[in-house]
Structures are given as C-alpha cells and as structure tokens.
Amino acid sequence: MQIKFVMPPPVKPSSPLRKIAGVIVTVAVAIVVLMFSAVFFAVIAVAGLIAWGYLWWKTREVRKQMRAFAEQNQSVMREQRASNDEVFEGEVIRVVDPKEVK
C-alpha cells in the first residue's frame, strides 16, 4: 500500500476588484442585519407596551380595592393607637434558680 500526498493547486491572490466587491457585500449584509434587528426590537417594544397596557387595564379594579383596604386599615390602626387600654407598662425581673443552671 502506498500513500501519496497530493499538494493542492496554489491559490491565486485575490484581485483588487474582488476585494472591493467583498467589502461592498459585507457592508450591505451588515446594513440589512441592522435594519432587521431594529425592526425586531421595535416589534418587541410595541408588544411589551401592549401587554403592559392590557395588564394595567385588567388590574385597575384590584388596585382600587387595595387602596380602599389600605385606607381602611390605616384608620383602624389610628384608632388602636389612640386607645391605650392594651398597653402594659412596667418592669420584668427574671429570677433564675441556681439549681436549673447547668
């Protein structure tokens, strides 16, 4: 069995016209990609705004109920603070039996 190494044909250097065409194609592809990404992000932003507006509209009644509950709760808390019937004042002294301490 004999192994033969075949050399690929030498590559000719690119002509200046081919290099310019490559730069133009690369710039055109980059511009198209930027345009599509801008459109994509704009669509995502609009969809996000629509979703936020929908949720805001659907939760308005719940927010009203929460505000009413908070106001009612604050008035109850003010009434509880005003009456000092449940406040015990004094000192506490804890006496520890030496037998219980290990």
Protein backbone atom coordinates (compact mmCIF):
# COMPACT_ATOMS: atom_id res chain seq x y z
CA MET A 1 0.00 0.00 0.00
CA GLN A 2 1.38 3.32 -0.99
CA ILE A 3 0.31 6.71 0.37
CA LYS A 4 0.50 9.62 -1.99
CA PHE A 5 0.48 13.21 -0.79
CA VAL A 6 -1.17 15.46 -3.31
CA MET A 7 -0.50 19.16 -2.96
CA PRO A 8 -3.47 21.41 -3.64
CA PRO A 9 -3.07 23.78 -6.51
CA PRO A 10 -1.65 27.15 -5.44
CA VAL A 11 -4.23 29.80 -4.65
CA LYS A 12 -4.02 32.90 -6.76
CA PRO A 13 -4.16 36.15 -4.77
CA SER A 14 -7.47 37.99 -5.00
CA SER A 15 -7.71 40.82 -7.43
CA PRO A 16 -8.43 44.35 -6.12
CA LEU A 17 -11.82 44.26 -7.83
CA ARG A 18 -12.72 41.07 -5.93
CA LYS A 19 -11.60 42.63 -2.62
CA ILE A 20 -13.73 45.72 -3.23
CA ALA A 21 -16.72 43.53 -4.11
CA GLY A 22 -16.18 41.57 -0.87
CA VAL A 23 -16.14 44.77 1.20
CA ILE A 24 -19.29 46.05 -0.51
CA VAL A 25 -21.14 42.75 0.08
CA THR A 26 -20.00 42.69 3.72
CA VAL A 27 -21.22 46.26 4.33
CA ALA A 28 -24.54 45.52 2.61
CA VAL A 29 -25.10 42.42 4.75
CA ALA A 30 -24.24 44.39 7.92
CA ILE A 31 -26.77 47.11 6.97
CA VAL A 32 -29.51 44.55 6.29
CA VAL A 33 -28.81 42.85 9.64
CA LEU A 34 -29.01 46.19 11.47
CA MET A 35 -32.29 47.03 9.74
CA PHE A 36 -33.86 43.71 10.69
CA SER A 37 -32.63 43.95 14.27
CA ALA A 38 -34.09 47.47 14.59
CA VAL A 39 -37.44 46.24 13.29
CA PHE A 40 -37.27 43.22 15.60
CA PHE A 41 -36.59 45.36 18.68
CA ALA A 42 -39.33 47.80 17.70
CA VAL A 43 -41.84 44.95 17.39
CA ILE A 44 -40.75 43.58 20.79
CA ALA A 45 -41.10 47.05 22.37
CA VAL A 46 -44.59 47.56 20.94
CA ALA A 47 -45.68 44.09 22.04
CA GLY A 48 -44.35 44.80 25.54
CA LEU A 49 -46.23 48.09 25.73
CA ILE A 50 -49.44 46.42 24.60
CA ALA A 51 -49.03 43.66 27.21
CA TRP A 52 -48.30 46.22 29.95
CA GLY A 53 -51.34 48.30 28.95
CA TYR A 54 -53.57 45.22 28.94
CA LEU A 55 -52.42 44.15 32.40
CA TRP A 56 -52.74 47.70 33.73
CA TRP A 57 -56.31 47.92 32.41
CA LYS A 58 -57.32 44.49 33.73
CA THR A 59 -55.92 45.13 37.25
CA ARG A 60 -57.43 48.59 37.81
CA GLU A 61 -60.31 47.24 39.92
CA VAL A 62 -57.95 45.22 42.11
CA ARG A 63 -55.78 48.31 42.65
CA LYS A 64 -58.86 50.30 43.73
CA GLN A 65 -59.76 47.59 46.23
CA MET A 66 -56.21 47.51 47.57
CA ARG A 67 -56.19 51.30 48.08
CA ALA A 68 -59.56 51.15 49.87
CA PHE A 69 -58.34 48.32 52.08
CA ALA A 70 -55.14 50.21 52.93
CA GLU A 71 -57.09 53.36 53.85
CA GLN A 72 -59.49 51.34 55.99
CA ASN A 73 -56.60 49.55 57.66
CA GLN A 74 -54.83 52.86 58.40
CA SER A 75 -57.93 54.29 60.04
CA VAL A 76 -58.26 51.16 62.20
CA MET A 77 -54.59 51.40 63.17
CA ARG A 78 -55.05 55.07 64.17
CA GLU A 79 -57.98 54.11 66.39
CA GLN A 80 -55.97 51.32 68.00
CA ARG A 81 -53.06 53.66 68.70
CA ALA A 82 -55.38 56.22 70.24
CA SER A 83 -56.66 53.82 72.91
CA ASN A 84 -54.04 52.71 75.42
CA ASP A 85 -56.20 50.03 77.04
CA GLU A 86 -53.99 47.20 75.79
CA VAL A 87 -50.64 48.69 76.82
CA PHE A 88 -49.00 47.27 79.92
CA GLU A 89 -46.19 49.28 81.43
CA GLY A 90 -43.74 48.03 83.99
CA GLU A 91 -40.62 46.01 84.51
CA VAL A 92 -39.94 42.32 84.37
CA ILE A 93 -37.35 40.66 86.54
CA ARG A 94 -36.45 37.09 85.79
CA VAL A 95 -35.19 35.08 88.69
CA VAL A 96 -33.18 32.01 87.72
CA ASP A 97 -32.87 29.22 90.23
CA PRO A 98 -29.20 28.18 90.52
CA LYS A 99 -30.25 24.52 90.51
CA GLU A 100 -31.68 24.87 86.99
CA VAL A 101 -28.49 26.35 85.52
CA LYS A 102 -26.09 23.73 84.24
